[in-house]
Amino acid sequence: MSRETRRSRFLPLLAVFIGCAAPLSESVADPGTPDERAALFDYIVDATLRRTAFSPYKIDNIGPTPYDTIEELVAAESAELRDEFISADTDEELFYVLRKLSSVRRDSHLHVYPADENIGLLNYRRGFGGKIEDWTPHAPVKFKPDYGDKEHMRLFVSDYSRSLTDPPAIGDLLVTVNGIPATEYLAELARYHGKSSRESLWWDLAYSLPLKTWFVDPA
């Protein structure tokens, strides 16, 4: 279907499924004091910049950025998270900012997981194989990225449940999520996805958008 003939419409069914993502159960971990978290943050960033063998080609693949090297990007985007990291006074808040801190490296092989399920992520299953949609609540609609304009990529409906009474059409463009403009919502969602290219990031955004994923802050 050509872009000219696609309809842009709001998909309210997403609000039911991803308006409140994956809440945490009662937790027992200790996030430490602000001073301890500040020291931990500084250590993580310093060790990351000293020990990581960054690919010099990655900076050219992730899309427009004001930085010349991936090292500069990681340092700058990490620094933006410092206050949030220090103010994370619950274990779940610390977990989610750690996910974002890990993602600034733009490396899909690196992830942050709960230790022994200590903070009780309700939709997290250690070692569970297969497709995530087989065991995670999800909306009855799927998306794919439109790569036609690399500077303004969008998501469109690629499939949906035939049980829907008012289904979208294949090719409908996502314009809002829970009343939030799609560009704004996806930009926030992208902070939890450490991908080394624009194309792989948008593929992951399309895949995870309908899911109640455990690694995205439900707030």
N, C-alpha and C. Protein backbone atom coordinates (compact mmCIF):
# COMPACT_ATOMS: atom_id res chain seq x y z
N MET A 1 0.86 -1.19 0.00
CA MET A 1 0.00 0.00 0.00
C MET A 1 0.89 1.24 0.00
N SER A 2 0.63 2.17 -0.84
CA SER A 2 1.47 3.37 -0.92
C SER A 2 1.19 4.28 0.26
N ARG A 3 2.18 5.11 0.57
CA ARG A 3 2.03 6.02 1.70
C ARG A 3 0.87 6.98 1.49
N GLU A 4 0.64 7.37 0.24
CA GLU A 4 -0.41 8.34 -0.05
C GLU A 4 -1.79 7.80 0.29
N THR A 5 -1.97 6.48 0.22
CA THR A 5 -3.30 5.93 0.44
C THR A 5 -3.50 5.43 1.87
N ARG A 6 -2.48 5.52 2.67
CA ARG A 6 -2.64 5.06 4.04
C ARG A 6 -3.45 6.06 4.85
N ARG A 7 -4.24 5.52 5.77
CA ARG A 7 -5.00 6.37 6.67
C ARG A 7 -4.24 6.51 7.98
N SER A 8 -4.18 7.74 8.49
CA SER A 8 -3.60 7.97 9.81
C SER A 8 -4.74 8.04 10.80
N ARG A 9 -4.74 7.16 11.77
CA ARG A 9 -5.83 7.15 12.74
C ARG A 9 -5.30 6.76 14.11
N PHE A 10 -6.04 7.15 15.12
CA PHE A 10 -5.68 6.81 16.49
C PHE A 10 -6.17 5.39 16.78
N LEU A 11 -5.34 4.62 17.49
CA LEU A 11 -5.69 3.25 17.84
C LEU A 11 -5.96 3.15 19.33
N PRO A 12 -7.20 3.45 19.77
CA PRO A 12 -7.49 3.50 21.21
C PRO A 12 -7.31 2.17 21.91
N LEU A 13 -7.37 1.04 21.18
CA LEU A 13 -7.24 -0.25 21.83
C LEU A 13 -5.89 -0.39 22.52
N LEU A 14 -4.88 0.36 22.07
CA LEU A 14 -3.57 0.28 22.71
C LEU A 14 -3.63 0.80 24.14
N ALA A 15 -4.51 1.76 24.39
CA ALA A 15 -4.59 2.35 25.72
C ALA A 15 -4.94 1.31 26.77
N VAL A 16 -5.76 0.34 26.39
CA VAL A 16 -6.19 -0.68 27.33
C VAL A 16 -5.01 -1.56 27.74
N PHE A 17 -4.10 -1.80 26.80
CA PHE A 17 -3.05 -2.78 27.03
C PHE A 17 -1.74 -2.18 27.47
N ILE A 18 -1.38 -0.97 27.00
CA ILE A 18 -0.07 -0.45 27.36
C ILE A 18 -0.16 0.86 28.13
N GLY A 19 -1.38 1.28 28.51
CA GLY A 19 -1.51 2.47 29.32
C GLY A 19 -0.89 2.27 30.69
N CYS A 20 -0.97 1.07 31.21
CA CYS A 20 -0.29 0.73 32.47
C CYS A 20 0.48 -0.54 32.20
N ALA A 21 1.76 -0.40 32.02
CA ALA A 21 2.56 -1.50 31.50
C ALA A 21 2.73 -2.60 32.54
N ALA A 22 3.95 -2.87 32.96
CA ALA A 22 4.21 -4.03 33.81
C ALA A 22 4.56 -3.59 35.23
N PRO A 23 3.56 -3.48 36.11
CA PRO A 23 3.84 -3.01 37.46
C PRO A 23 4.68 -4.01 38.24
N LEU A 24 5.36 -3.51 39.25
CA LEU A 24 6.21 -4.34 40.08
C LEU A 24 5.47 -4.77 41.34
N SER A 25 5.76 -5.97 41.78
CA SER A 25 5.19 -6.42 43.04
C SER A 25 6.01 -5.84 44.19
N GLU A 26 5.60 -6.12 45.42
CA GLU A 26 6.32 -5.60 46.58
C GLU A 26 7.78 -6.05 46.51
N SER A 27 8.70 -5.14 46.69
CA SER A 27 10.11 -5.47 46.50
C SER A 27 10.88 -5.40 47.81
N VAL A 28 12.08 -5.98 47.80
CA VAL A 28 12.84 -6.08 49.04
C VAL A 28 14.26 -5.53 48.90
N ALA A 29 14.68 -5.18 47.70
CA ALA A 29 16.06 -4.72 47.51
C ALA A 29 16.25 -3.33 48.10
N ASP A 30 17.50 -3.00 48.41
CA ASP A 30 17.84 -1.70 48.99
C ASP A 30 18.61 -0.89 47.96
N PRO A 31 18.05 0.24 47.50
CA PRO A 31 18.73 1.04 46.47
C PRO A 31 19.86 1.89 47.02
N GLY A 32 20.10 1.88 48.34
CA GLY A 32 21.19 2.64 48.92
C GLY A 32 20.84 4.10 49.13
N THR A 33 21.83 4.89 49.57
CA THR A 33 21.65 6.31 49.82
C THR A 33 21.96 7.11 48.55
N PRO A 34 21.56 8.38 48.49
CA PRO A 34 21.93 9.20 47.33
C PRO A 34 23.43 9.26 47.09
N ASP A 35 24.21 9.36 48.14
CA ASP A 35 25.66 9.40 47.97
C ASP A 35 26.18 8.09 47.40
N GLU A 36 25.63 6.99 47.86
CA GLU A 36 26.05 5.68 47.34
C GLU A 36 25.66 5.52 45.88
N ARG A 37 24.47 6.02 45.53
CA ARG A 37 24.04 5.91 44.13
C ARG A 37 24.87 6.81 43.24
N ALA A 38 25.27 7.99 43.75
CA ALA A 38 26.13 8.88 42.97
C ALA A 38 27.47 8.22 42.70
N ALA A 39 28.03 7.58 43.72
CA ALA A 39 29.31 6.89 43.55
C ALA A 39 29.17 5.72 42.59
N LEU A 40 28.07 5.00 42.69
CA LEU A 40 27.84 3.87 41.79
C LEU A 40 27.70 4.34 40.35
N PHE A 41 26.94 5.40 40.15
CA PHE A 41 26.75 5.94 38.80
C PHE A 41 28.09 6.34 38.19
N ASP A 42 28.88 7.10 38.94
CA ASP A 42 30.16 7.57 38.42
C ASP A 42 31.09 6.41 38.10
N TYR A 43 31.04 5.37 38.93
CA TYR A 43 31.88 4.20 38.65
C TYR A 43 31.43 3.49 37.38
N ILE A 44 30.12 3.30 37.22
CA ILE A 44 29.60 2.60 36.05
C ILE A 44 29.99 3.34 34.76
N VAL A 45 29.78 4.64 34.75
CA VAL A 45 30.07 5.41 33.54
C VAL A 45 31.57 5.43 33.25
N ASP A 46 32.37 5.64 34.30
CA ASP A 46 33.82 5.66 34.11
C ASP A 46 34.33 4.31 33.60
N ALA A 47 33.87 3.23 34.21
CA ALA A 47 34.31 1.90 33.79
C ALA A 47 33.84 1.58 32.38
N THR A 48 32.62 2.01 32.05
CA THR A 48 32.10 1.76 30.71
C THR A 48 32.97 2.45 29.66
N LEU A 49 33.31 3.71 29.88
CA LEU A 49 34.09 4.46 28.90
C LEU A 49 35.53 3.96 28.81
N ARG A 50 36.07 3.45 29.92
CA ARG A 50 37.45 2.96 29.90
C ARG A 50 37.58 1.56 29.33
N ARG A 51 36.57 0.72 29.53
CA ARG A 51 36.71 -0.70 29.23
C ARG A 51 36.00 -1.15 27.95
N THR A 52 35.12 -0.34 27.43
CA THR A 52 34.35 -0.76 26.26
C THR A 52 35.11 -0.50 24.97
N ALA A 53 35.12 -1.51 24.10
CA ALA A 53 35.70 -1.34 22.76
C ALA A 53 34.57 -0.91 21.82
N PHE A 54 34.34 0.39 21.74
CA PHE A 54 33.24 0.91 20.92
C PHE A 54 33.56 0.79 19.44
N SER A 55 32.56 0.43 18.67
CA SER A 55 32.73 0.38 17.22
C SER A 55 32.69 1.79 16.64
N PRO A 56 33.69 2.19 15.87
CA PRO A 56 33.69 3.55 15.29
C PRO A 56 32.62 3.74 14.23
N TYR A 57 32.05 2.65 13.74
CA TYR A 57 31.04 2.74 12.69
C TYR A 57 29.64 2.96 13.25
N LYS A 58 29.47 2.70 14.54
CA LYS A 58 28.14 2.76 15.13
C LYS A 58 27.55 4.16 15.06
N ILE A 59 28.38 5.19 15.24
CA ILE A 59 27.87 6.56 15.26
C ILE A 59 27.22 6.94 13.94
N ASP A 60 27.62 6.29 12.84
CA ASP A 60 27.06 6.60 11.53
C ASP A 60 25.75 5.87 11.27
N ASN A 61 25.42 4.87 12.10
CA ASN A 61 24.26 4.02 11.84
C ASN A 61 23.05 4.31 12.72
N ILE A 62 23.23 5.12 13.76
CA ILE A 62 22.14 5.29 14.72
C ILE A 62 21.24 6.47 14.41
N GLY A 63 21.55 7.21 13.36
CA GLY A 63 20.71 8.35 12.99
C GLY A 63 21.35 9.66 13.39
N PRO A 64 20.66 10.77 13.14
CA PRO A 64 21.22 12.10 13.41
C PRO A 64 21.63 12.27 14.87
N THR A 65 22.81 12.80 15.10
CA THR A 65 23.31 13.04 16.45
C THR A 65 24.32 14.18 16.40
N PRO A 66 24.39 14.99 17.44
CA PRO A 66 25.36 16.10 17.44
C PRO A 66 26.78 15.65 17.78
N TYR A 67 26.97 14.36 18.04
CA TYR A 67 28.27 13.88 18.48
C TYR A 67 29.05 13.24 17.34
N ASP A 68 30.37 13.36 17.41
CA ASP A 68 31.25 12.84 16.36
C ASP A 68 31.63 11.38 16.57
N THR A 69 31.62 10.94 17.82
CA THR A 69 32.00 9.56 18.12
C THR A 69 30.98 8.94 19.06
N ILE A 70 30.95 7.61 19.08
CA ILE A 70 30.03 6.92 19.98
C ILE A 70 30.44 7.13 21.42
N GLU A 71 31.75 7.29 21.68
CA GLU A 71 32.20 7.57 23.04
C GLU A 71 31.63 8.89 23.56
N GLU A 72 31.63 9.91 22.71
CA GLU A 72 31.07 11.19 23.11
C GLU A 72 29.57 11.07 23.39
N LEU A 73 28.88 10.32 22.55
CA LEU A 73 27.43 10.14 22.74
C LEU A 73 27.15 9.43 24.05
N VAL A 74 27.86 8.34 24.31
CA VAL A 74 27.63 7.57 25.54
C VAL A 74 27.92 8.43 26.77
N ALA A 75 29.00 9.20 26.75
CA ALA A 75 29.33 10.06 27.88
C ALA A 75 28.26 11.11 28.11
N ALA A 76 27.80 11.74 27.04
CA ALA A 76 26.82 12.82 27.17
C ALA A 76 25.45 12.29 27.61
N GLU A 77 24.98 11.21 26.98
CA GLU A 77 23.66 10.69 27.32
C GLU A 77 23.67 10.04 28.71
N SER A 78 24.79 9.49 29.11
CA SER A 78 24.90 8.96 30.47
C SER A 78 24.80 10.10 31.49
N ALA A 79 25.50 11.20 31.22
CA ALA A 79 25.48 12.34 32.14
C ALA A 79 24.06 12.88 32.33
N GLU A 80 23.25 12.81 31.28
CA GLU A 80 21.86 13.28 31.37
C GLU A 80 21.03 12.45 32.35
N LEU A 81 21.47 11.24 32.64
CA LEU A 81 20.72 10.34 33.52
C LEU A 81 21.21 10.39 34.97
N ARG A 82 22.25 11.16 35.24
CA ARG A 82 22.86 11.14 36.58
C ARG A 82 21.89 11.56 37.67
N ASP A 83 21.18 12.67 37.48
CA ASP A 83 20.25 13.14 38.51
C ASP A 83 19.13 12.12 38.73
N GLU A 84 18.62 11.55 37.64
CA GLU A 84 17.56 10.55 37.76
C GLU A 84 18.07 9.32 38.52
N PHE A 85 19.30 8.93 38.25
CA PHE A 85 19.91 7.79 38.92
C PHE A 85 20.03 8.05 40.42
N ILE A 86 20.53 9.22 40.78
CA ILE A 86 20.73 9.55 42.19
C ILE A 86 19.41 9.66 42.93
N SER A 87 18.37 10.16 42.26
CA SER A 87 17.07 10.35 42.92
C SER A 87 16.22 9.08 42.93
N ALA A 88 16.70 8.00 42.34
CA ALA A 88 15.96 6.74 42.30
C ALA A 88 16.03 6.07 43.66
N ASP A 89 15.08 6.39 44.54
CA ASP A 89 15.16 5.92 45.92
C ASP A 89 14.34 4.66 46.18
N THR A 90 13.89 4.00 45.13
CA THR A 90 13.29 2.67 45.27
C THR A 90 14.02 1.73 44.33
N ASP A 91 13.96 0.44 44.62
CA ASP A 91 14.67 -0.52 43.80
C ASP A 91 14.13 -0.56 42.37
N GLU A 92 12.81 -0.40 42.20
CA GLU A 92 12.27 -0.43 40.84
C GLU A 92 12.67 0.79 40.03
N GLU A 93 12.69 1.96 40.67
CA GLU A 93 13.15 3.17 39.98
C GLU A 93 14.61 3.02 39.54
N LEU A 94 15.42 2.45 40.42
CA LEU A 94 16.83 2.25 40.09
C LEU A 94 16.97 1.24 38.95
N PHE A 95 16.16 0.21 38.96
CA PHE A 95 16.22 -0.78 37.88
C PHE A 95 15.94 -0.14 36.53
N TYR A 96 14.89 0.69 36.46
CA TYR A 96 14.52 1.27 35.16
C TYR A 96 15.55 2.29 34.67
N VAL A 97 16.15 3.05 35.57
CA VAL A 97 17.17 4.00 35.10
C VAL A 97 18.43 3.25 34.71
N LEU A 98 18.70 2.11 35.34
CA LEU A 98 19.81 1.26 34.91
C LEU A 98 19.57 0.72 33.51
N ARG A 99 18.34 0.38 33.20
CA ARG A 99 18.01 -0.07 31.84
C ARG A 99 18.31 1.03 30.83
N LYS A 100 17.92 2.25 31.16
CA LYS A 100 18.18 3.36 30.24
C LYS A 100 19.68 3.65 30.13
N LEU A 101 20.38 3.56 31.26
CA LEU A 101 21.82 3.79 31.25
C LEU A 101 22.53 2.75 30.39
N SER A 102 22.08 1.52 30.48
CA SER A 102 22.68 0.46 29.65
C SER A 102 22.40 0.70 28.17
N SER A 103 21.22 1.21 27.86
CA SER A 103 20.82 1.37 26.47
C SER A 103 21.59 2.46 25.74
N VAL A 104 22.17 3.42 26.45
CA VAL A 104 22.90 4.49 25.77
C VAL A 104 24.12 3.95 25.03
N ARG A 105 24.55 2.73 25.37
CA ARG A 105 25.70 2.13 24.68
C ARG A 105 25.36 1.66 23.27
N ARG A 106 24.05 1.60 22.96
CA ARG A 106 23.59 1.18 21.64
C ARG A 106 24.15 -0.19 21.28
N ASP A 107 24.01 -1.12 22.21
CA ASP A 107 24.51 -2.48 21.99
C ASP A 107 23.43 -3.47 22.42
N SER A 108 22.83 -4.15 21.46
CA SER A 108 21.71 -5.05 21.76
C SER A 108 22.15 -6.32 22.48
N HIS A 109 23.47 -6.54 22.59
CA HIS A 109 23.95 -7.71 23.31
C HIS A 109 24.07 -7.46 24.80
N LEU A 110 23.88 -6.22 25.23
CA LEU A 110 24.06 -5.86 26.63
C LEU A 110 22.72 -5.49 27.25
N HIS A 111 22.39 -6.15 28.35
CA HIS A 111 21.09 -5.91 28.99
C HIS A 111 21.25 -5.89 30.50
N VAL A 112 20.25 -5.33 31.17
CA VAL A 112 20.17 -5.36 32.62
C VAL A 112 18.98 -6.22 33.00
N TYR A 113 19.22 -7.22 33.85
CA TYR A 113 18.17 -8.12 34.31
C TYR A 113 18.11 -8.11 35.83
N PRO A 114 16.95 -8.45 36.41
CA PRO A 114 16.88 -8.56 37.87
C PRO A 114 17.78 -9.70 38.36
N ALA A 115 18.39 -9.52 39.51
CA ALA A 115 19.20 -10.56 40.12
C ALA A 115 18.30 -11.47 40.93
N ASP A 116 18.18 -12.71 40.50
CA ASP A 116 17.35 -13.68 41.22
C ASP A 116 15.92 -13.20 41.39
N GLU A 117 15.43 -12.42 40.42
CA GLU A 117 14.06 -11.90 40.47
C GLU A 117 13.78 -11.18 41.79
N ASN A 118 14.78 -10.47 42.29
CA ASN A 118 14.71 -9.89 43.62
C ASN A 118 13.67 -8.78 43.75
N ILE A 119 13.37 -8.07 42.64
CA ILE A 119 12.42 -6.97 42.76
C ILE A 119 11.05 -7.33 42.20
N GLY A 120 10.85 -8.58 41.82
CA GLY A 120 9.52 -9.06 41.52
C GLY A 120 8.83 -8.45 40.32
N LEU A 121 9.50 -8.38 39.18
CA LEU A 121 8.85 -7.89 37.97
C LEU A 121 7.76 -8.88 37.56
N LEU A 122 6.53 -8.40 37.48
CA LEU A 122 5.40 -9.30 37.31
C LEU A 122 5.40 -10.02 35.97
N ASN A 123 5.91 -9.38 34.91
CA ASN A 123 5.90 -10.01 33.60
C ASN A 123 7.27 -10.56 33.20
N TYR A 124 8.16 -10.70 34.19
CA TYR A 124 9.49 -11.21 33.90
C TYR A 124 9.57 -12.69 34.22
N ARG A 125 10.08 -13.47 33.25
CA ARG A 125 10.26 -14.90 33.47
C ARG A 125 11.68 -15.28 33.08
N ARG A 126 12.47 -15.63 34.04
CA ARG A 126 13.86 -15.97 33.79
C ARG A 126 13.95 -17.25 32.96
N GLY A 127 14.72 -17.18 31.89
CA GLY A 127 14.98 -18.37 31.10
C GLY A 127 13.80 -18.89 30.31
N PHE A 128 12.74 -18.09 30.15
CA PHE A 128 11.57 -18.55 29.42
C PHE A 128 11.80 -18.36 27.93
N GLY A 129 11.78 -19.43 27.18
CA GLY A 129 12.05 -19.35 25.75
C GLY A 129 10.82 -19.04 24.93
N GLY A 130 10.98 -19.04 23.62
CA GLY A 130 9.86 -18.78 22.71
C GLY A 130 9.59 -17.31 22.52
N LYS A 131 8.53 -17.01 21.79
CA LYS A 131 8.18 -15.63 21.50
C LYS A 131 7.58 -14.96 22.73
N ILE A 132 8.01 -13.72 22.97
CA ILE A 132 7.57 -13.02 24.17
C ILE A 132 6.05 -12.84 24.20
N GLU A 133 5.42 -12.71 23.01
CA GLU A 133 3.97 -12.52 23.02
C GLU A 133 3.21 -13.77 23.43
N ASP A 134 3.91 -14.90 23.53
CA ASP A 134 3.26 -16.13 23.98
C ASP A 134 3.01 -16.13 25.48
N TRP A 135 3.74 -15.28 26.23
CA TRP A 135 3.57 -15.28 27.68
C TRP A 135 3.48 -13.88 28.28
N THR A 136 3.43 -12.85 27.45
CA THR A 136 3.28 -11.49 27.93
C THR A 136 1.97 -10.90 27.41
N PRO A 137 1.19 -10.23 28.27
CA PRO A 137 -0.04 -9.59 27.78
C PRO A 137 0.28 -8.62 26.64
N HIS A 138 -0.58 -8.61 25.64
CA HIS A 138 -0.32 -7.75 24.49
C HIS A 138 -1.62 -7.34 23.82
N ALA A 139 -1.57 -6.23 23.12
CA ALA A 139 -2.73 -5.73 22.39
C ALA A 139 -2.96 -6.60 21.15
N PRO A 140 -4.21 -6.68 20.67
CA PRO A 140 -4.51 -7.52 19.50
C PRO A 140 -4.18 -6.84 18.18
N VAL A 141 -3.00 -6.24 18.10
CA VAL A 141 -2.60 -5.56 16.88
C VAL A 141 -1.08 -5.61 16.81
N LYS A 142 -0.53 -5.68 15.60
CA LYS A 142 0.92 -5.69 15.40
C LYS A 142 1.32 -4.57 14.45
N PHE A 143 2.56 -4.12 14.60
CA PHE A 143 3.07 -3.02 13.80
C PHE A 143 4.37 -3.41 13.09
N LYS A 144 4.64 -2.67 12.04
CA LYS A 144 5.93 -2.76 11.36
C LYS A 144 6.41 -1.34 11.08
N PRO A 145 7.73 -1.15 10.95
CA PRO A 145 8.25 0.19 10.66
C PRO A 145 8.20 0.51 9.17
N ASP A 146 7.97 1.77 8.87
CA ASP A 146 8.02 2.27 7.50
C ASP A 146 9.41 2.89 7.31
N TYR A 147 10.24 2.24 6.51
CA TYR A 147 11.60 2.69 6.28
C TYR A 147 11.72 3.62 5.07
N GLY A 148 10.60 4.02 4.50
CA GLY A 148 10.63 4.82 3.28
C GLY A 148 11.35 6.15 3.44
N ASP A 149 11.18 6.78 4.59
CA ASP A 149 11.82 8.07 4.87
C ASP A 149 12.64 7.89 6.15
N LYS A 150 13.94 7.69 6.01
CA LYS A 150 14.78 7.39 7.17
C LYS A 150 14.79 8.52 8.19
N GLU A 151 14.54 9.74 7.75
CA GLU A 151 14.56 10.87 8.67
C GLU A 151 13.24 11.01 9.43
N HIS A 152 12.19 10.37 8.95
CA HIS A 152 10.87 10.50 9.61
C HIS A 152 10.19 9.13 9.60
N MET A 153 10.78 8.16 10.26
CA MET A 153 10.21 6.81 10.25
C MET A 153 8.96 6.75 11.12
N ARG A 154 8.05 5.87 10.70
CA ARG A 154 6.77 5.73 11.39
C ARG A 154 6.41 4.25 11.50
N LEU A 155 5.40 3.97 12.31
CA LEU A 155 4.90 2.61 12.44
C LEU A 155 3.52 2.50 11.80
N PHE A 156 3.27 1.36 11.17
CA PHE A 156 1.96 1.12 10.58
C PHE A 156 1.43 -0.25 11.00
N VAL A 157 0.12 -0.41 10.96
CA VAL A 157 -0.52 -1.67 11.33
C VAL A 157 -0.17 -2.74 10.29
N SER A 158 0.38 -3.85 10.79
CA SER A 158 0.73 -4.95 9.89
C SER A 158 -0.20 -6.15 10.05
N ASP A 159 -0.89 -6.23 11.20
CA ASP A 159 -1.82 -7.33 11.43
C ASP A 159 -2.67 -6.99 12.64
N TYR A 160 -3.78 -7.68 12.79
CA TYR A 160 -4.65 -7.45 13.94
C TYR A 160 -5.53 -8.67 14.14
N SER A 161 -6.09 -8.76 15.34
CA SER A 161 -6.98 -9.87 15.65
C SER A 161 -8.30 -9.70 14.92
N ARG A 162 -8.76 -10.75 14.29
CA ARG A 162 -10.04 -10.69 13.57
C ARG A 162 -11.23 -10.65 14.51
N SER A 163 -10.98 -10.76 15.81
CA SER A 163 -12.07 -10.67 16.78
C SER A 163 -12.44 -9.24 17.12
N LEU A 164 -11.63 -8.26 16.68
CA LEU A 164 -11.92 -6.86 16.96
C LEU A 164 -13.20 -6.41 16.25
N THR A 165 -14.04 -5.69 16.97
CA THR A 165 -15.30 -5.23 16.37
C THR A 165 -15.10 -3.99 15.50
N ASP A 166 -14.09 -3.19 15.82
CA ASP A 166 -13.78 -2.00 15.02
C ASP A 166 -12.29 -2.01 14.70
N PRO A 167 -11.87 -2.92 13.84
CA PRO A 167 -10.44 -3.10 13.61
C PRO A 167 -9.84 -1.97 12.77
N PRO A 168 -8.54 -1.77 12.92
CA PRO A 168 -7.84 -0.84 12.02
C PRO A 168 -7.68 -1.50 10.66
N ALA A 169 -7.17 -0.77 9.73
CA ALA A 169 -6.86 -1.33 8.41
C ALA A 169 -5.36 -1.56 8.32
N ILE A 170 -4.99 -2.59 7.61
CA ILE A 170 -3.58 -2.82 7.35
C ILE A 170 -3.00 -1.59 6.65
N GLY A 171 -1.92 -1.07 7.18
CA GLY A 171 -1.31 0.14 6.62
C GLY A 171 -1.66 1.40 7.37
N ASP A 172 -2.64 1.35 8.30
CA ASP A 172 -2.94 2.53 9.12
C ASP A 172 -1.69 2.97 9.88
N LEU A 173 -1.44 4.26 9.89
CA LEU A 173 -0.28 4.79 10.59
C LEU A 173 -0.60 5.08 12.05
N LEU A 174 0.34 4.78 12.92
CA LEU A 174 0.19 5.10 14.33
C LEU A 174 0.46 6.59 14.53
N VAL A 175 -0.50 7.30 15.09
CA VAL A 175 -0.33 8.75 15.28
C VAL A 175 -0.33 9.14 16.75
N THR A 176 -1.04 8.40 17.61
CA THR A 176 -1.03 8.69 19.04
C THR A 176 -1.10 7.39 19.83
N VAL A 177 -0.61 7.42 21.05
CA VAL A 177 -0.70 6.29 21.98
C VAL A 177 -1.16 6.85 23.32
N ASN A 178 -2.36 6.46 23.75
CA ASN A 178 -2.90 6.96 25.02
C ASN A 178 -2.95 8.48 25.06
N GLY A 179 -3.23 9.10 23.93
CA GLY A 179 -3.32 10.55 23.85
C GLY A 179 -1.99 11.24 23.67
N ILE A 180 -0.90 10.50 23.64
CA ILE A 180 0.43 11.07 23.47
C ILE A 180 0.83 10.93 22.00
N PRO A 181 1.36 11.98 21.37
CA PRO A 181 1.80 11.86 19.97
C PRO A 181 2.77 10.69 19.82
N ALA A 182 2.62 9.94 18.73
CA ALA A 182 3.43 8.74 18.53
C ALA A 182 4.92 9.04 18.56
N THR A 183 5.34 10.16 17.98
CA THR A 183 6.76 10.48 17.96
C THR A 183 7.30 10.67 19.37
N GLU A 184 6.50 11.31 20.23
CA GLU A 184 6.92 11.54 21.61
C GLU A 184 6.94 10.24 22.40
N TYR A 185 5.90 9.42 22.24
CA TYR A 185 5.82 8.15 22.96
C TYR A 185 6.95 7.21 22.55
N LEU A 186 7.21 7.11 21.26
CA LEU A 186 8.24 6.20 20.77
C LEU A 186 9.64 6.68 21.14
N ALA A 187 9.82 7.99 21.23
CA ALA A 187 11.12 8.52 21.65
C ALA A 187 11.43 8.09 23.09
N GLU A 188 10.40 8.09 23.95
CA GLU A 188 10.60 7.64 25.33
C GLU A 188 10.82 6.13 25.36
N LEU A 189 10.04 5.39 24.60
CA LEU A 189 10.19 3.94 24.56
C LEU A 189 11.58 3.55 24.06
N ALA A 190 12.12 4.33 23.12
CA ALA A 190 13.43 4.03 22.54
C ALA A 190 14.55 4.09 23.58
N ARG A 191 14.32 4.81 24.67
CA ARG A 191 15.36 4.95 25.69
C ARG A 191 15.64 3.62 26.40
N TYR A 192 14.76 2.63 26.24
CA TYR A 192 14.94 1.32 26.86
C TYR A 192 15.46 0.28 25.86
N HIS A 193 15.72 0.72 24.64
CA HIS A 193 16.17 -0.20 23.59
C HIS A 193 17.57 0.22 23.12
N GLY A 194 18.57 -0.55 23.47
CA GLY A 194 19.92 -0.23 23.03
C GLY A 194 20.24 -0.91 21.72
N LYS A 195 20.01 -0.23 20.62
CA LYS A 195 20.22 -0.80 19.29
C LYS A 195 21.29 -0.01 18.55
N SER A 196 22.04 -0.70 17.71
CA SER A 196 23.19 -0.09 17.04
C SER A 196 22.86 0.55 15.70
N SER A 197 21.61 0.49 15.28
CA SER A 197 21.22 1.15 14.03
C SER A 197 19.79 1.64 14.14
N ARG A 198 19.47 2.64 13.33
CA ARG A 198 18.12 3.18 13.29
C ARG A 198 17.11 2.12 12.88
N GLU A 199 17.49 1.31 11.89
CA GLU A 199 16.57 0.29 11.38
C GLU A 199 16.24 -0.75 12.44
N SER A 200 17.25 -1.24 13.15
CA SER A 200 16.98 -2.25 14.17
C SER A 200 16.22 -1.67 15.35
N LEU A 201 16.47 -0.40 15.69
CA LEU A 201 15.71 0.24 16.76
C LEU A 201 14.23 0.29 16.41
N TRP A 202 13.91 0.74 15.22
CA TRP A 202 12.51 0.86 14.84
C TRP A 202 11.84 -0.50 14.68
N TRP A 203 12.59 -1.50 14.30
CA TRP A 203 12.02 -2.85 14.25
C TRP A 203 11.64 -3.31 15.66
N ASP A 204 12.51 -3.03 16.64
CA ASP A 204 12.21 -3.38 18.02
C ASP A 204 11.06 -2.57 18.59
N LEU A 205 10.99 -1.29 18.25
CA LEU A 205 9.89 -0.46 18.71
C LEU A 205 8.55 -1.01 18.21
N ALA A 206 8.53 -1.39 16.94
CA ALA A 206 7.30 -1.94 16.36
C ALA A 206 6.90 -3.23 17.06
N TYR A 207 7.88 -4.06 17.34
CA TYR A 207 7.60 -5.36 17.97
C TYR A 207 7.12 -5.21 19.40
N SER A 208 7.77 -4.30 20.16
CA SER A 208 7.47 -4.22 21.59
C SER A 208 6.32 -3.29 21.94
N LEU A 209 5.93 -2.41 21.03
CA LEU A 209 4.88 -1.43 21.34
C LEU A 209 3.60 -2.07 21.87
N PRO A 210 3.08 -3.14 21.28
CA PRO A 210 1.82 -3.70 21.80
C PRO A 210 1.97 -4.53 23.06
N LEU A 211 3.20 -4.75 23.53
CA LEU A 211 3.45 -5.67 24.64
C LEU A 211 3.54 -4.94 25.98
N LYS A 212 3.13 -5.63 27.04
CA LYS A 212 3.38 -5.16 28.41
C LYS A 212 4.75 -5.69 28.82
N THR A 213 5.78 -5.02 28.38
CA THR A 213 7.13 -5.51 28.63
C THR A 213 7.62 -5.16 30.02
N TRP A 214 8.35 -6.08 30.63
CA TRP A 214 8.82 -5.90 32.00
C TRP A 214 9.94 -4.88 32.11
N PHE A 215 10.63 -4.59 31.02
CA PHE A 215 11.81 -3.73 31.12
C PHE A 215 11.53 -2.25 30.87
N VAL A 216 10.27 -1.87 30.69
CA VAL A 216 9.90 -0.48 30.46
C VAL A 216 9.15 0.04 31.67
N ASP A 217 9.53 1.20 32.16
CA ASP A 217 8.90 1.81 33.32
C ASP A 217 7.41 2.03 33.05
N PRO A 218 6.52 1.44 33.86
CA PRO A 218 5.09 1.61 33.64
C PRO A 218 4.59 3.02 33.86
N ALA A 219 5.42 3.86 34.53
CA ALA A 219 5.02 5.25 34.76
C ALA A 219 5.04 6.03 33.46
